[in-house]
Amino acid sequence: MSGRDRQARGPGRRPPPSKPSAPRHGLARVISKFGVASRTQAARWIEAGRVAVDGRIVRDPERPTDAARERIAVDGAPIEARGRIYLMLNKPRGYVTTASDERGRDTVYALLEGAGLPWLAPVGRLDRASEGLLLFSNDSVWAAAITAPETHLDKTYHVQIDRLPDADLLAALQAGVDDRGERLAAKSVRELRRGERHAWLEIVLDEGRNRQLRRMLYVLDVAVIRLVRVAIGGLTLGALAKGAWRELTVDEVARLSPSSLA
């Protein structure tokens, strides 16, 4: 290299580093992030040949895709990101928390039909026999913060049981029980009211184990008559009618945001 070439380049000068490329995720995941379908539903669309990327049909749900640079269309119509929506539903007993059910049972999405809503995912679950507060959103980051085990977000339940509780039962629920090697405990327990044979308890959990309350009570030989979730964090079910839903206020969304829960 001549001295003139070295002078033009400068001593020790290196070409500028290339900019990192945008993250690429599987096509089904990218579509779900737009809030137009669940990841499972998007995968079905792709496998059925209904999705095109830059004008070409793609049938691989895991095909790496950059939504910022590639045009994605479903049935010929470009998809666009939907505005963020957050709502609460008062789930009645008898509905399953899933988009479809192989056994033909009613799902919670039947309660949202006809509202013109984009695809919304349930934030956590309530089993078919349980009732009460169920959140939905197309904001996956917000939803993940609420359901993450490390958040330890309080969830409050009113539970009707088939016996009159004593101090030992309340203490056992709070101390915790062992169910097939898994330790399950309530954060707090108190009696709300009692009748001649049955009683209502208020039980607060700060972890989300599968069917946790029912499993704890079963170990203690107590049957659940009704189980109603009445609050998640500071968000309460209030006077919302059974089977009805409403959008959350800006303040309610903020109180359950990742920054507030950190």
Protein backbone atom coordinates (compact mmCIF):
# COMPACT_ATOMS: atom_id res chain seq x y z
CA MET A 1 0.00 0.00 0.00
CA SER A 2 1.45 3.43 -0.99
CA GLY A 3 1.94 6.28 1.49
CA ARG A 4 -0.77 8.22 -0.31
CA ASP A 5 -3.22 5.33 0.15
CA ARG A 6 -2.31 5.05 3.85
CA GLN A 7 -2.79 8.80 4.31
CA ALA A 8 -6.18 8.76 2.61
CA ARG A 9 -7.34 5.88 4.77
CA GLY A 10 -5.80 7.26 7.97
CA PRO A 11 -3.70 5.39 10.50
CA GLY A 12 -5.47 2.44 12.05
CA ARG A 13 -8.86 3.45 10.63
CA ARG A 14 -11.34 0.64 10.23
CA PRO A 15 -14.55 0.55 8.24
CA PRO A 16 -17.62 1.47 10.34
CA PRO A 17 -19.38 -1.52 11.90
CA SER A 18 -22.51 -2.68 10.13
CA LYS A 19 -25.81 -2.03 11.82
CA PRO A 20 -27.32 -5.05 13.54
CA SER A 21 -30.22 -6.51 11.64
CA ALA A 22 -33.72 -6.37 13.12
CA PRO A 23 -34.71 -9.46 15.12
CA ARG A 24 -36.42 -12.11 13.03
CA HIS A 25 -39.05 -14.36 14.57
CA GLY A 26 -41.20 -17.16 13.24
CA LEU A 27 -43.99 -15.98 10.94
CA ALA A 28 -46.81 -17.25 13.17
CA ARG A 29 -45.36 -15.40 16.14
CA VAL A 30 -44.98 -12.21 14.10
CA ILE A 31 -48.62 -12.34 13.03
CA SER A 32 -49.76 -12.90 16.61
CA LYS A 33 -47.76 -9.83 17.69
CA PHE A 34 -49.89 -7.75 15.29
CA GLY A 35 -52.89 -8.64 17.45
CA VAL A 36 -54.93 -10.18 14.64
CA ALA A 37 -54.82 -13.83 15.72
CA SER A 38 -53.37 -16.16 18.26
CA ARG A 39 -50.10 -17.88 17.39
CA THR A 40 -51.94 -21.17 16.96
CA GLN A 41 -54.55 -19.63 14.66
CA ALA A 42 -51.84 -17.86 12.65
CA ALA A 43 -50.02 -21.18 12.19
CA ARG A 44 -53.22 -22.71 10.79
CA TRP A 45 -53.61 -19.83 8.34
CA ILE A 46 -50.02 -20.29 7.19
CA GLU A 47 -50.30 -24.04 6.74
CA ALA A 48 -53.54 -23.52 4.76
CA GLY A 49 -51.72 -21.25 2.31
CA ARG A 50 -53.58 -18.09 3.30
CA VAL A 51 -50.48 -16.06 4.23
CA ALA A 52 -48.07 -14.36 1.82
CA VAL A 53 -44.77 -12.61 2.58
CA ASP A 54 -43.69 -10.08 -0.04
CA GLY A 55 -46.26 -11.57 -2.41
CA ARG A 56 -45.22 -15.19 -2.02
CA ILE A 57 -47.26 -17.82 -0.21
CA VAL A 58 -45.47 -19.20 2.86
CA ARG A 59 -46.52 -22.46 4.50
CA ASP A 60 -43.91 -22.68 7.27
CA PRO A 61 -45.14 -21.08 10.54
CA GLU A 62 -41.53 -20.89 11.78
CA ARG A 63 -40.16 -19.12 8.70
CA PRO A 64 -37.92 -16.25 10.02
CA THR A 65 -39.68 -12.96 9.32
CA ASP A 66 -38.84 -9.29 9.77
CA ALA A 67 -42.12 -7.41 10.10
CA ALA A 68 -40.36 -4.06 9.62
CA ARG A 69 -39.04 -4.97 6.16
CA GLU A 70 -41.37 -7.62 4.78
CA ARG A 71 -45.00 -7.22 3.72
CA ILE A 72 -47.31 -9.79 5.29
CA ALA A 73 -50.79 -10.41 3.91
CA VAL A 74 -53.60 -12.75 4.90
CA ASP A 75 -56.05 -13.69 2.13
CA GLY A 76 -54.50 -10.91 0.05
CA ALA A 77 -55.09 -8.17 2.64
CA PRO A 78 -52.02 -6.62 4.33
CA ILE A 79 -52.08 -6.98 8.08
CA GLU A 80 -51.61 -3.95 10.28
CA ALA A 81 -50.85 -3.66 13.96
CA ARG A 82 -53.98 -3.20 16.06
CA GLY A 83 -54.22 -0.68 18.83
CA ARG A 84 -53.67 -2.07 22.30
CA ILE A 85 -56.85 -3.22 24.04
CA TYR A 86 -57.29 -4.26 27.66
CA LEU A 87 -60.55 -5.57 29.06
CA MET A 88 -62.03 -7.49 31.95
CA LEU A 89 -64.76 -10.13 31.80
CA ASN A 90 -66.91 -11.52 34.57
CA LYS A 91 -66.64 -15.16 33.55
CA PRO A 92 -69.64 -17.34 34.40
CA ARG A 93 -69.31 -20.96 35.41
CA GLY A 94 -69.39 -23.44 32.52
CA TYR A 95 -67.12 -21.64 30.04
CA VAL A 96 -63.62 -22.85 29.19
CA THR A 97 -60.77 -20.35 28.82
CA THR A 98 -59.66 -21.26 25.32
CA ALA A 99 -60.38 -20.15 21.76
CA SER A 100 -61.85 -23.49 20.73
CA ASP A 101 -62.69 -26.72 22.50
CA GLU A 102 -62.37 -30.18 20.98
CA ARG A 103 -65.30 -31.34 23.09
CA GLY A 104 -67.61 -28.61 21.80
CA ARG A 105 -67.99 -26.81 25.14
CA ASP A 106 -68.73 -23.10 25.33
CA THR A 107 -65.62 -20.91 25.44
CA VAL A 108 -65.13 -17.45 26.93
CA TYR A 109 -64.84 -16.05 23.39
CA ALA A 110 -68.56 -16.65 22.90
CA LEU A 111 -69.09 -13.84 25.42
CA LEU A 112 -67.08 -11.42 23.24
CA GLU A 113 -68.74 -12.24 19.92
CA GLY A 114 -70.20 -9.41 17.87
CA ALA A 115 -68.18 -6.70 19.62
CA GLY A 116 -65.83 -6.08 16.68
CA LEU A 117 -62.77 -6.70 18.82
CA PRO A 118 -59.37 -7.72 17.41
CA TRP A 119 -57.80 -10.96 18.58
CA LEU A 120 -57.33 -10.84 22.35
CA ALA A 121 -55.60 -13.44 24.47
CA PRO A 122 -56.71 -14.34 28.00
CA VAL A 123 -54.31 -13.14 30.68
CA GLY A 124 -54.09 -16.25 32.83
CA ARG A 125 -56.96 -18.69 33.13
CA LEU A 126 -59.98 -19.74 35.13
CA ASP A 127 -61.06 -23.36 34.90
CA ARG A 128 -64.50 -24.29 33.59
CA ALA A 129 -66.09 -24.51 37.05
CA SER A 130 -64.62 -21.21 38.27
CA GLU A 131 -66.07 -17.73 37.90
CA GLY A 132 -65.09 -14.11 38.11
CA LEU A 133 -62.43 -11.72 36.94
CA LEU A 134 -60.65 -12.69 33.72
CA LEU A 135 -58.46 -10.25 31.79
CA PHE A 136 -57.90 -10.11 28.02
CA SER A 137 -55.41 -8.13 25.96
CA ASN A 138 -53.39 -8.06 22.74
CA ASP A 139 -50.45 -6.54 24.65
CA SER A 140 -48.25 -9.57 25.28
CA VAL A 141 -45.68 -7.67 27.37
CA TRP A 142 -48.36 -6.36 29.74
CA ALA A 143 -49.95 -9.80 30.00
CA ALA A 144 -46.63 -11.52 30.67
CA ALA A 145 -45.88 -9.18 33.57
CA ILE A 146 -49.20 -10.06 35.21
CA THR A 147 -48.80 -13.82 34.85
CA ALA A 148 -45.05 -14.08 35.55
CA PRO A 149 -44.41 -16.13 38.74
CA GLU A 150 -41.70 -13.73 39.90
CA THR A 151 -44.19 -10.84 39.97
CA HIS A 152 -46.07 -12.38 42.93
CA LEU A 153 -49.18 -10.37 42.03
CA ASP A 154 -52.00 -10.94 44.50
CA LYS A 155 -55.11 -12.67 43.19
CA THR A 156 -58.12 -12.67 45.52
CA TYR A 157 -60.79 -15.39 45.52
CA HIS A 158 -64.07 -15.89 47.33
CA VAL A 159 -64.57 -19.60 47.88
CA GLN A 160 -67.69 -21.34 49.14
CA ILE A 161 -66.83 -24.61 50.89
CA ASP A 162 -68.93 -27.56 52.02
CA ARG A 163 -68.20 -27.23 55.75
CA LEU A 164 -67.83 -24.70 58.51
CA PRO A 165 -64.17 -23.79 58.90
CA ASP A 166 -62.26 -23.70 62.15
CA ALA A 167 -59.00 -22.04 63.08
CA ASP A 168 -57.04 -25.17 62.19
CA LEU A 169 -58.31 -25.17 58.59
CA LEU A 170 -57.49 -21.50 58.08
CA ALA A 171 -54.04 -22.00 59.54
CA ALA A 172 -53.39 -25.07 57.38
CA LEU A 173 -54.28 -23.21 54.19
CA GLN A 174 -51.89 -20.41 55.04
CA ALA A 175 -49.13 -22.71 56.26
CA GLY A 176 -49.40 -24.74 53.07
CA VAL A 177 -50.02 -28.33 52.05
CA ASP A 178 -48.09 -30.88 50.04
CA ASP A 179 -49.79 -32.15 46.88
CA ARG A 180 -47.81 -34.86 45.08
CA GLY A 181 -44.52 -33.27 46.07
CA GLU A 182 -45.55 -29.70 45.31
CA ARG A 183 -45.89 -27.20 48.16
CA LEU A 184 -49.03 -25.08 47.87
CA ALA A 185 -49.85 -22.21 50.25
CA ALA A 186 -52.12 -19.18 50.45
CA LYS A 187 -50.80 -15.72 51.20
CA SER A 188 -53.77 -14.99 53.47
CA VAL A 189 -57.06 -16.59 54.46
CA ARG A 190 -60.08 -15.29 56.33
CA GLU A 191 -63.68 -16.29 56.83
CA LEU A 192 -66.22 -14.00 55.18
CA ARG A 193 -69.52 -15.47 56.36
CA ARG A 194 -71.15 -18.77 57.28
CA GLY A 195 -74.51 -20.46 57.19
CA GLU A 196 -75.70 -23.60 58.89
CA ARG A 197 -73.53 -26.00 56.89
CA HIS A 198 -71.46 -23.97 54.42
CA ALA A 199 -69.14 -20.96 54.59
CA TRP A 200 -67.38 -18.46 52.35
CA LEU A 201 -63.64 -17.83 52.63
CA GLU A 202 -61.52 -15.06 51.15
CA ILE A 203 -58.23 -16.53 49.98
CA VAL A 204 -55.36 -14.52 48.49
CA LEU A 205 -52.72 -16.21 46.34
CA ASP A 206 -49.51 -14.61 45.10
CA GLU A 207 -48.53 -17.43 42.75
CA GLY A 208 -50.37 -19.05 39.89
CA ARG A 209 -50.15 -22.82 40.22
CA ASN A 210 -52.58 -24.88 38.16
CA ARG A 211 -55.91 -25.32 40.02
CA GLN A 212 -54.09 -24.35 43.20
CA LEU A 213 -57.05 -23.57 45.45
CA ARG A 214 -59.00 -26.67 44.52
CA ARG A 215 -55.93 -28.85 45.07
CA MET A 216 -55.18 -27.30 48.48
CA LEU A 217 -58.71 -27.78 49.71
CA TYR A 218 -58.90 -31.33 48.34
CA VAL A 219 -55.80 -32.29 50.33
CA LEU A 220 -57.57 -30.96 53.44
CA ASP A 221 -60.72 -32.97 52.58
CA VAL A 222 -62.75 -29.85 51.81
CA ALA A 223 -64.98 -29.63 48.72
CA VAL A 224 -65.40 -26.42 46.73
CA ILE A 225 -68.98 -25.40 45.99
CA ARG A 226 -68.18 -22.11 44.23
CA LEU A 227 -64.93 -20.34 43.41
CA VAL A 228 -64.98 -16.70 42.27
CA ARG A 229 -61.94 -14.55 41.49
CA VAL A 230 -62.80 -11.04 42.66
CA ALA A 231 -59.52 -9.13 42.26
CA ILE A 232 -56.15 -9.12 40.52
CA GLY A 233 -53.77 -6.78 42.28
CA GLY A 234 -55.75 -3.61 42.95
CA LEU A 235 -58.21 -4.30 40.12
CA THR A 236 -61.56 -5.54 41.45
CA LEU A 237 -64.50 -7.16 39.73
CA GLY A 238 -66.85 -4.63 41.28
CA ALA A 239 -70.45 -4.54 40.02
CA LEU A 240 -69.70 -5.97 36.56
CA ALA A 241 -72.58 -8.32 35.70
CA LYS A 242 -71.94 -12.00 35.15
CA GLY A 243 -71.09 -12.62 31.51
CA ALA A 244 -70.44 -8.91 30.87
CA TRP A 245 -67.16 -7.22 29.97
CA ARG A 246 -65.71 -3.73 29.86
CA GLU A 247 -62.48 -2.07 28.79
CA LEU A 248 -60.03 -1.08 31.50
CA THR A 249 -59.37 2.57 32.19
CA VAL A 250 -55.96 4.09 31.48
CA ASP A 251 -55.29 4.17 35.22
CA GLU A 252 -56.25 0.51 35.66
CA VAL A 253 -53.93 -0.54 32.85
CA ALA A 254 -51.09 1.53 34.32
CA ARG A 255 -51.49 -0.03 37.77
CA LEU A 256 -50.93 -3.47 36.23
CA SER A 257 -48.14 -2.39 33.87
CA PRO A 258 -44.68 -4.02 34.04
CA SER A 259 -43.12 -0.90 35.57
CA SER A 260 -45.70 -0.82 38.36
CA LEU A 261 -45.28 -4.52 39.09
CA ALA A 262 -41.48 -4.51 39.06
